[in-house]
Amino acid sequence: MSRKFENHVSVVTGGSTGIGFSIARGLIAEGARRVYITGRSAGTLNEAAALLGGAAVPVVSDVSSLSDLETLKGEIEERGDMLDSVFANAGICEKNEFGNTVEADFDRTFDINVKGVFFTVQTLVPLVKDGASLVLTASICANNGMEGLSLYNASKSAVRSFARTWANELHGRKIRVNALSPGFTLTPLMKNGLNMGRPRSRPSETSPLARFRWATWPSRPRSPPPAFSSHRRTPAISTVSN
């Protein structure tokens, strides 16, 4: 390992599973001194921390709760840490049927994916070092308009907007702000929330680009050609193992 994060201190929200866990594991493997991981389940957090080792600090925190975020900030301050990076990664993805979506569905998605990202960064930015890095987990769904996910898609568009705006607002402190937009990544969120683990729920069947290419394929073969992933605009499928 390169040890490029030697003595690094970071926060990873939603760090107990999936992409967040892999980010935390990567930071620690590259030398991070301390990585605060957050999540809503104490049991899952403690299991993740045990796997990550002594550099991981589990903090039960719901990003949609401002009081929980203040508790997280207090935990960091109590240890005398300043942050080299913040990964605002926590989020949910739930299907919603347009025309039958209720207010509670809207509030749940936007409270975690939008409000949660905004107040995570606003709460922690006083502890972020000048020249540090903020990374916001967005999604390719911010652009591709996947059906049945209008709330999730819009919430991730907001995250990308935060990244562009904060990059301007924090440039005086030389803080870098980037949005990470993963393609289809097989995580507990995908398998449990969207049932993407089922054989018929493949990205090639749900991608608007794939449907377009199938509809316009010359001579209309009896079955869709399998190798859509070779097209440069089609997201690759990656797997995150916990």
C-alpha atoms as a PDB file:
ATOM      1  CA  MET A   1       0.000   0.000   0.000  1.00  0.00           C
ATOM      2  CA  SER A   2       1.132   3.556  -0.713  1.00  0.00           C
ATOM      3  CA  ARG A   3       0.204   4.940   2.745  1.00  0.00           C
ATOM      4  CA  LYS A   4      -0.975   8.087   0.954  1.00  0.00           C
ATOM      5  CA  PHE A   5      -3.478   8.785   3.762  1.00  0.00           C
ATOM      6  CA  GLU A   6      -0.879   8.544   6.536  1.00  0.00           C
ATOM      7  CA  ASN A   7      -2.165  10.256   9.708  1.00  0.00           C
ATOM      8  CA  HIS A   8      -5.374  11.209   7.880  1.00  0.00           C
ATOM      9  CA  VAL A   9      -8.600  11.846   9.845  1.00  0.00           C
ATOM     10  CA  SER A  10     -11.910  11.432   8.065  1.00  0.00           C
ATOM     11  CA  VAL A  11     -15.662  11.103   8.508  1.00  0.00           C
ATOM     12  CA  VAL A  12     -17.669   8.671   6.382  1.00  0.00           C
ATOM     13  CA  THR A  13     -21.426   8.882   6.877  1.00  0.00           C
ATOM     14  CA  GLY A  14     -23.256   5.687   6.057  1.00  0.00           C
ATOM     15  CA  GLY A  15     -19.939   3.950   6.667  1.00  0.00           C
ATOM     16  CA  SER A  16     -21.159   0.638   8.054  1.00  0.00           C
ATOM     17  CA  THR A  17     -22.057  -1.057   4.751  1.00  0.00           C
ATOM     18  CA  GLY A  18     -21.676  -0.817   0.992  1.00  0.00           C
ATOM     19  CA  ILE A  19     -19.780   2.021  -0.624  1.00  0.00           C
ATOM     20  CA  GLY A  20     -19.253   3.854   2.673  1.00  0.00           C
ATOM     21  CA  PHE A  21     -17.693   0.805   4.312  1.00  0.00           C
ATOM     22  CA  SER A  22     -15.386   0.308   1.336  1.00  0.00           C
ATOM     23  CA  ILE A  23     -14.311   3.966   1.491  1.00  0.00           C
ATOM     24  CA  ALA A  24     -13.507   3.623   5.196  1.00  0.00           C
ATOM     25  CA  ARG A  25     -11.626   0.384   4.599  1.00  0.00           C
ATOM     26  CA  GLY A  26      -9.605   1.971   1.806  1.00  0.00           C
ATOM     27  CA  LEU A  27      -8.676   4.984   3.924  1.00  0.00           C
ATOM     28  CA  ILE A  28      -7.509   2.805   6.796  1.00  0.00           C
ATOM     29  CA  ALA A  29      -5.567   0.482   4.494  1.00  0.00           C
ATOM     30  CA  GLU A  30      -3.735   3.532   3.146  1.00  0.00           C
ATOM     31  CA  GLY A  31      -2.696   4.730   6.591  1.00  0.00           C
ATOM     32  CA  ALA A  32      -5.556   6.833   7.986  1.00  0.00           C
ATOM     33  CA  ARG A  33      -5.134   7.458  11.714  1.00  0.00           C
ATOM     34  CA  ARG A  34      -8.848   7.722  12.483  1.00  0.00           C
ATOM     35  CA  VAL A  35     -12.032   7.260  10.466  1.00  0.00           C
ATOM     36  CA  TYR A  36     -15.386   8.108  12.034  1.00  0.00           C
ATOM     37  CA  ILE A  37     -18.105   5.934  10.528  1.00  0.00           C
ATOM     38  CA  THR A  38     -21.774   6.712  11.092  1.00  0.00           C
ATOM     39  CA  GLY A  39     -25.033   4.884  10.668  1.00  0.00           C
ATOM     40  CA  ARG A  40     -28.389   4.416  12.326  1.00  0.00           C
ATOM     41  CA  SER A  41     -27.874   0.856  13.565  1.00  0.00           C
ATOM     42  CA  ALA A  42     -25.501   0.416  16.503  1.00  0.00           C
ATOM     43  CA  GLY A  43     -25.198  -3.301  15.828  1.00  0.00           C
ATOM     44  CA  THR A  44     -24.222  -2.902  12.187  1.00  0.00           C
ATOM     45  CA  LEU A  45     -21.822  -0.083  13.055  1.00  0.00           C
ATOM     46  CA  ASN A  46     -20.072  -2.120  15.723  1.00  0.00           C
ATOM     47  CA  GLU A  47     -19.713  -5.077  13.353  1.00  0.00           C
ATOM     48  CA  ALA A  48     -18.187  -2.777  10.732  1.00  0.00           C
ATOM     49  CA  ALA A  49     -15.819  -1.211  13.268  1.00  0.00           C
ATOM     50  CA  ALA A  50     -14.650  -4.652  14.374  1.00  0.00           C
ATOM     51  CA  LEU A  51     -13.796  -5.499  10.763  1.00  0.00           C
ATOM     52  CA  LEU A  52     -12.049  -2.179  10.182  1.00  0.00           C
ATOM     53  CA  GLY A  53      -9.923  -2.287  13.313  1.00  0.00           C
ATOM     54  CA  GLY A  54      -8.856   0.244  15.897  1.00  0.00           C
ATOM     55  CA  ALA A  55      -8.680   3.213  13.520  1.00  0.00           C
ATOM     56  CA  ALA A  56     -12.469   3.125  13.056  1.00  0.00           C
ATOM     57  CA  VAL A  57     -14.708   5.056  15.447  1.00  0.00           C
ATOM     58  CA  PRO A  58     -18.401   4.098  15.190  1.00  0.00           C
ATOM     59  CA  VAL A  59     -20.885   6.879  15.957  1.00  0.00           C
ATOM     60  CA  VAL A  60     -24.615   6.191  15.874  1.00  0.00           C
ATOM     61  CA  SER A  61     -26.005   9.117  13.899  1.00  0.00           C
ATOM     62  CA  ASP A  62     -28.983   9.779  11.661  1.00  0.00           C
ATOM     63  CA  VAL A  63     -27.922  12.414   9.122  1.00  0.00           C
ATOM     64  CA  SER A  64     -31.473  13.763   8.960  1.00  0.00           C
ATOM     65  CA  SER A  65     -31.268  14.670  12.664  1.00  0.00           C
ATOM     66  CA  LEU A  66     -29.432  17.913  13.422  1.00  0.00           C
ATOM     67  CA  SER A  67     -28.996  16.898  17.050  1.00  0.00           C
ATOM     68  CA  ASP A  68     -27.313  13.655  15.958  1.00  0.00           C
ATOM     69  CA  LEU A  69     -24.969  15.635  13.717  1.00  0.00           C
ATOM     70  CA  GLU A  70     -24.073  17.890  16.635  1.00  0.00           C
ATOM     71  CA  THR A  71     -23.321  14.757  18.665  1.00  0.00           C
ATOM     72  CA  LEU A  72     -20.998  13.570  15.910  1.00  0.00           C
ATOM     73  CA  LYS A  73     -19.268  16.944  15.861  1.00  0.00           C
ATOM     74  CA  GLY A  74     -18.882  16.807  19.639  1.00  0.00           C
ATOM     75  CA  GLU A  75     -17.322  13.345  19.438  1.00  0.00           C
ATOM     76  CA  ILE A  76     -14.709  14.624  16.986  1.00  0.00           C
ATOM     77  CA  GLU A  77     -14.003  17.740  19.058  1.00  0.00           C
ATOM     78  CA  GLU A  78     -13.663  15.687  22.240  1.00  0.00           C
ATOM     79  CA  ARG A  79     -10.842  13.702  20.629  1.00  0.00           C
ATOM     80  CA  GLY A  80      -9.144  16.899  19.493  1.00  0.00           C
ATOM     81  CA  ASP A  81      -9.355  15.970  15.804  1.00  0.00           C
ATOM     82  CA  MET A  82      -9.472  18.183  12.751  1.00  0.00           C
ATOM     83  CA  LEU A  83     -10.702  16.630   9.524  1.00  0.00           C
ATOM     84  CA  ASP A  84      -8.721  15.993   6.360  1.00  0.00           C
ATOM     85  CA  SER A  85     -11.807  14.764   4.529  1.00  0.00           C
ATOM     86  CA  VAL A  86     -15.539  14.273   4.853  1.00  0.00           C
ATOM     87  CA  PHE A  87     -17.423  11.707   2.797  1.00  0.00           C
ATOM     88  CA  ALA A  88     -21.124  12.667   2.875  1.00  0.00           C
ATOM     89  CA  ASN A  89     -22.218   9.249   1.719  1.00  0.00           C
ATOM     90  CA  ALA A  90     -25.306   8.286   3.741  1.00  0.00           C
ATOM     91  CA  GLY A  91     -28.466   7.975   1.682  1.00  0.00           C
ATOM     92  CA  ILE A  92     -31.479   5.853   0.860  1.00  0.00           C
ATOM     93  CA  CYS A  93     -32.967   4.686  -2.410  1.00  0.00           C
ATOM     94  CA  GLU A  94     -36.622   3.738  -2.445  1.00  0.00           C
ATOM     95  CA  LYS A  95     -38.897   3.260  -5.414  1.00  0.00           C
ATOM     96  CA  ASN A  96     -41.829   5.618  -5.751  1.00  0.00           C
ATOM     97  CA  GLU A  97     -44.677   5.374  -8.221  1.00  0.00           C
ATOM     98  CA  PHE A  98     -45.367   8.770  -9.736  1.00  0.00           C
ATOM     99  CA  GLY A  99     -49.068   9.536  -9.263  1.00  0.00           C
ATOM    100  CA  ASN A 100     -49.254   7.506  -6.057  1.00  0.00           C
ATOM    101  CA  THR A 101     -46.399   9.030  -4.067  1.00  0.00           C
ATOM    102  CA  VAL A 102     -47.367  10.412  -0.669  1.00  0.00           C
ATOM    103  CA  GLU A 103     -45.798  13.278   1.263  1.00  0.00           C
ATOM    104  CA  ALA A 104     -44.121  10.914   3.717  1.00  0.00           C
ATOM    105  CA  ASP A 105     -42.251   9.233   0.841  1.00  0.00           C
ATOM    106  CA  PHE A 106     -41.003  12.610  -0.377  1.00  0.00           C
ATOM    107  CA  ASP A 107     -39.954  13.756   3.079  1.00  0.00           C
ATOM    108  CA  ARG A 108     -38.100  10.536   3.898  1.00  0.00           C
ATOM    109  CA  THR A 109     -35.959  10.644   0.752  1.00  0.00           C
ATOM    110  CA  PHE A 110     -35.227  14.368   0.850  1.00  0.00           C
ATOM    111  CA  ASP A 111     -34.639  14.448   4.618  1.00  0.00           C
ATOM    112  CA  ILE A 112     -31.812  11.914   4.317  1.00  0.00           C
ATOM    113  CA  ASN A 113     -30.428  12.464   0.818  1.00  0.00           C
ATOM    114  CA  VAL A 114     -30.652  16.260   0.607  1.00  0.00           C
ATOM    115  CA  LYS A 115     -31.135  17.741   4.072  1.00  0.00           C
ATOM    116  CA  GLY A 116     -28.767  15.117   5.490  1.00  0.00           C
ATOM    117  CA  VAL A 117     -25.943  15.955   3.073  1.00  0.00           C
ATOM    118  CA  PHE A 118     -26.410  19.701   3.488  1.00  0.00           C
ATOM    119  CA  PHE A 119     -26.350  19.699   7.282  1.00  0.00           C
ATOM    120  CA  THR A 120     -23.623  17.053   7.537  1.00  0.00           C
ATOM    121  CA  VAL A 121     -21.267  19.340   5.643  1.00  0.00           C
ATOM    122  CA  GLN A 122     -22.467  22.564   7.264  1.00  0.00           C
ATOM    123  CA  THR A 123     -22.083  21.063  10.750  1.00  0.00           C
ATOM    124  CA  LEU A 124     -18.632  19.609  10.159  1.00  0.00           C
ATOM    125  CA  VAL A 125     -17.032  22.246   7.943  1.00  0.00           C
ATOM    126  CA  PRO A 126     -15.731  24.255  10.952  1.00  0.00           C
ATOM    127  CA  LEU A 127     -13.648  21.154  11.805  1.00  0.00           C
ATOM    128  CA  VAL A 128     -12.386  20.695   8.242  1.00  0.00           C
ATOM    129  CA  LYS A 129      -8.790  21.770   7.645  1.00  0.00           C
ATOM    130  CA  ASP A 130      -7.956  24.324   4.979  1.00  0.00           C
ATOM    131  CA  GLY A 131      -6.946  22.403   1.860  1.00  0.00           C
ATOM    132  CA  ALA A 132      -9.030  19.382   2.848  1.00  0.00           C
ATOM    133  CA  SER A 133     -11.511  17.429   0.707  1.00  0.00           C
ATOM    134  CA  LEU A 134     -15.283  16.993   0.729  1.00  0.00           C
ATOM    135  CA  VAL A 135     -16.738  14.113  -1.273  1.00  0.00           C
ATOM    136  CA  LEU A 136     -20.504  13.837  -1.782  1.00  0.00           C
ATOM    137  CA  THR A 137     -22.024  10.583  -2.971  1.00  0.00           C
ATOM    138  CA  ALA A 138     -24.383  11.334  -5.839  1.00  0.00           C
ATOM    139  CA  SER A 139     -25.449   8.839  -8.526  1.00  0.00           C
ATOM    140  CA  ILE A 140     -25.670   8.352 -12.269  1.00  0.00           C
ATOM    141  CA  CYS A 141     -29.423   8.441 -11.607  1.00  0.00           C
ATOM    142  CA  ALA A 142     -29.099  12.213 -11.313  1.00  0.00           C
ATOM    143  CA  ASN A 143     -28.815  12.205 -15.101  1.00  0.00           C
ATOM    144  CA  ASN A 144     -30.455   9.109 -16.533  1.00  0.00           C
ATOM    145  CA  GLY A 145     -34.052   9.593 -15.312  1.00  0.00           C
ATOM    146  CA  MET A 146     -34.613   5.986 -14.298  1.00  0.00           C
ATOM    147  CA  GLU A 147     -38.328   5.319 -14.009  1.00  0.00           C
ATOM    148  CA  GLY A 148     -39.838   4.616 -10.613  1.00  0.00           C
ATOM    149  CA  LEU A 149     -37.113   6.634  -8.885  1.00  0.00           C
ATOM    150  CA  SER A 150     -38.135  10.241  -9.451  1.00  0.00           C
ATOM    151  CA  LEU A 151     -37.541  11.209  -5.821  1.00  0.00           C
ATOM    152  CA  TYR A 152     -34.149   9.503  -5.619  1.00  0.00           C
ATOM    153  CA  ASN A 153     -33.066  10.913  -8.992  1.00  0.00           C
ATOM    154  CA  ALA A 154     -34.001  14.454  -7.970  1.00  0.00           C
ATOM    155  CA  SER A 155     -32.315  14.118  -4.585  1.00  0.00           C
ATOM    156  CA  LYS A 156     -29.046  13.104  -6.212  1.00  0.00           C
ATOM    157  CA  SER A 157     -29.294  16.012  -8.644  1.00  0.00           C
ATOM    158  CA  ALA A 158     -29.448  18.262  -5.598  1.00  0.00           C
ATOM    159  CA  VAL A 159     -26.290  16.635  -4.229  1.00  0.00           C
ATOM    160  CA  ARG A 160     -24.427  17.408  -7.439  1.00  0.00           C
ATOM    161  CA  SER A 161     -25.628  20.995  -7.225  1.00  0.00           C
ATOM    162  CA  PHE A 162     -24.293  21.236  -3.671  1.00  0.00           C
ATOM    163  CA  ALA A 163     -20.878  20.101  -4.905  1.00  0.00           C
ATOM    164  CA  ARG A 164     -20.717  22.763  -7.624  1.00  0.00           C
ATOM    165  CA  THR A 165     -21.866  25.525  -5.282  1.00  0.00           C
ATOM    166  CA  TRP A 166     -19.677  24.589  -2.326  1.00  0.00           C
ATOM    167  CA  ALA A 167     -16.636  24.328  -4.586  1.00  0.00           C
ATOM    168  CA  ASN A 168     -17.138  28.045  -5.264  1.00  0.00           C
ATOM    169  CA  GLU A 169     -18.022  28.954  -1.696  1.00  0.00           C
ATOM    170  CA  LEU A 170     -15.062  27.136  -0.110  1.00  0.00           C
ATOM    171  CA  HIS A 171     -12.359  27.868  -2.665  1.00  0.00           C
ATOM    172  CA  GLY A 172     -10.964  30.614  -0.399  1.00  0.00           C
ATOM    173  CA  ARG A 173     -10.015  27.882   2.079  1.00  0.00           C
ATOM    174  CA  LYS A 174      -8.673  25.693  -0.741  1.00  0.00           C
ATOM    175  CA  ILE A 175     -11.176  22.987   0.186  1.00  0.00           C
ATOM    176  CA  ARG A 176     -11.862  20.640  -2.714  1.00  0.00           C
ATOM    177  CA  VAL A 177     -15.461  19.535  -3.248  1.00  0.00           C
ATOM    178  CA  ASN A 178     -16.323  16.634  -5.538  1.00  0.00           C
ATOM    179  CA  ALA A 179     -19.418  14.578  -6.273  1.00  0.00           C
ATOM    180  CA  LEU A 180     -18.978  10.843  -6.725  1.00  0.00           C
ATOM    181  CA  SER A 181     -21.586   9.396  -9.107  1.00  0.00           C
ATOM    182  CA  PRO A 182     -21.356   5.598  -8.980  1.00  0.00           C
ATOM    183  CA  GLY A 183     -22.881   3.336 -11.576  1.00  0.00           C
ATOM    184  CA  PHE A 184     -24.758   0.196 -10.568  1.00  0.00           C
ATOM    185  CA  THR A 185     -22.974  -1.091  -7.481  1.00  0.00           C
ATOM    186  CA  LEU A 186     -24.269  -4.228  -5.787  1.00  0.00           C
ATOM    187  CA  THR A 187     -24.674  -3.110  -2.173  1.00  0.00           C
ATOM    188  CA  PRO A 188     -27.245  -3.914   0.521  1.00  0.00           C
ATOM    189  CA  LEU A 189     -29.092  -0.783  -0.633  1.00  0.00           C
ATOM    190  CA  MET A 190     -29.477  -2.212  -4.133  1.00  0.00           C
ATOM    191  CA  LYS A 191     -30.333  -5.736  -3.027  1.00  0.00           C
ATOM    192  CA  ASN A 192     -32.708  -4.875  -0.200  1.00  0.00           C
ATOM    193  CA  GLY A 193     -34.159  -1.537  -1.246  1.00  0.00           C
ATOM    194  CA  LEU A 194     -34.518  -2.066  -4.982  1.00  0.00           C
ATOM    195  CA  ASN A 195     -34.371  -5.859  -5.315  1.00  0.00           C
ATOM    196  CA  MET A 196     -31.606  -5.421  -7.875  1.00  0.00           C
ATOM    197  CA  GLY A 197     -30.242  -8.832  -6.964  1.00  0.00           C
ATOM    198  CA  ARG A 198     -33.102 -10.553  -8.816  1.00  0.00           C
ATOM    199  CA  PRO A 199     -32.143 -11.922 -12.259  1.00  0.00           C
ATOM    200  CA  ARG A 200     -34.705  -9.827 -14.111  1.00  0.00           C
ATOM    201  CA  SER A 201     -33.684  -6.583 -12.403  1.00  0.00           C
ATOM    202  CA  ARG A 202     -30.551  -5.947 -14.424  1.00  0.00           C
ATOM    203  CA  PRO A 203     -29.190  -2.519 -15.356  1.00  0.00           C
ATOM    204  CA  SER A 204     -29.507  -3.416 -19.058  1.00  0.00           C
ATOM    205  CA  GLU A 205     -33.276  -3.722 -18.577  1.00  0.00           C
ATOM    206  CA  THR A 206     -33.738  -0.543 -16.572  1.00  0.00           C
ATOM    207  CA  SER A 207     -31.343   1.821 -18.354  1.00  0.00           C
ATOM    208  CA  PRO A 208     -33.116   4.216 -20.745  1.00  0.00           C
ATOM    209  CA  LEU A 209     -30.102   3.944 -23.067  1.00  0.00           C
ATOM    210  CA  ALA A 210     -30.404   0.153 -23.175  1.00  0.00           C
ATOM    211  CA  ARG A 211     -34.122   0.357 -23.970  1.00  0.00           C
ATOM    212  CA  PHE A 212     -33.435   2.928 -26.688  1.00  0.00           C
ATOM    213  CA  ARG A 213     -30.755   0.775 -28.291  1.00  0.00           C
ATOM    214  CA  TRP A 214     -33.040  -2.260 -28.204  1.00  0.00           C
ATOM    215  CA  ALA A 215     -35.904  -0.310 -29.778  1.00  0.00           C
ATOM    216  CA  THR A 216     -33.675   0.956 -32.591  1.00  0.00           C
ATOM    217  CA  TRP A 217     -31.537  -2.155 -33.129  1.00  0.00           C
ATOM    218  CA  PRO A 218     -31.341  -2.997 -36.890  1.00  0.00           C
ATOM    219  CA  SER A 219     -33.489  -5.947 -37.983  1.00  0.00           C
ATOM    220  CA  ARG A 220     -34.870  -6.368 -34.424  1.00  0.00           C
ATOM    221  CA  PRO A 221     -33.256  -9.673 -33.325  1.00  0.00           C
ATOM    222  CA  ARG A 222     -35.371 -12.038 -31.286  1.00  0.00           C
ATOM    223  CA  SER A 223     -33.564 -11.182 -28.042  1.00  0.00           C
ATOM    224  CA  PRO A 224     -31.700  -8.046 -27.007  1.00  0.00           C
ATOM    225  CA  PRO A 225     -27.958  -8.201 -27.650  1.00  0.00           C
ATOM    226  CA  PRO A 226     -26.192  -8.821 -24.332  1.00  0.00           C
ATOM    227  CA  ALA A 227     -23.116  -6.609 -24.538  1.00  0.00           C
ATOM    228  CA  PHE A 228     -24.547  -3.169 -23.917  1.00  0.00           C
ATOM    229  CA  SER A 229     -21.809  -2.525 -21.349  1.00  0.00           C
ATOM    230  CA  SER A 230     -19.304  -1.964 -24.159  1.00  0.00           C
ATOM    231  CA  HIS A 231     -21.024   1.320 -25.019  1.00  0.00           C
ATOM    232  CA  ARG A 232     -19.084   4.147 -23.425  1.00  0.00           C
ATOM    233  CA  ARG A 233     -22.179   5.830 -21.947  1.00  0.00           C
ATOM    234  CA  THR A 234     -23.537   2.676 -20.300  1.00  0.00           C
ATOM    235  CA  PRO A 235     -22.450   2.298 -16.650  1.00  0.00           C
ATOM    236  CA  ALA A 236     -20.306  -0.670 -15.774  1.00  0.00           C
ATOM    237  CA  ILE A 237     -21.557  -3.028 -13.104  1.00  0.00           C
ATOM    238  CA  SER A 238     -19.303  -3.179 -10.057  1.00  0.00           C
ATOM    239  CA  THR A 239     -19.600  -5.149  -6.855  1.00  0.00           C
ATOM    240  CA  VAL A 240     -18.735  -3.968  -3.362  1.00  0.00           C
ATOM    241  CA  SER A 241     -18.202  -6.829  -0.946  1.00  0.00           C
ATOM    242  CA  ASN A 242     -18.448  -6.253   2.769  1.00  0.00           C
END
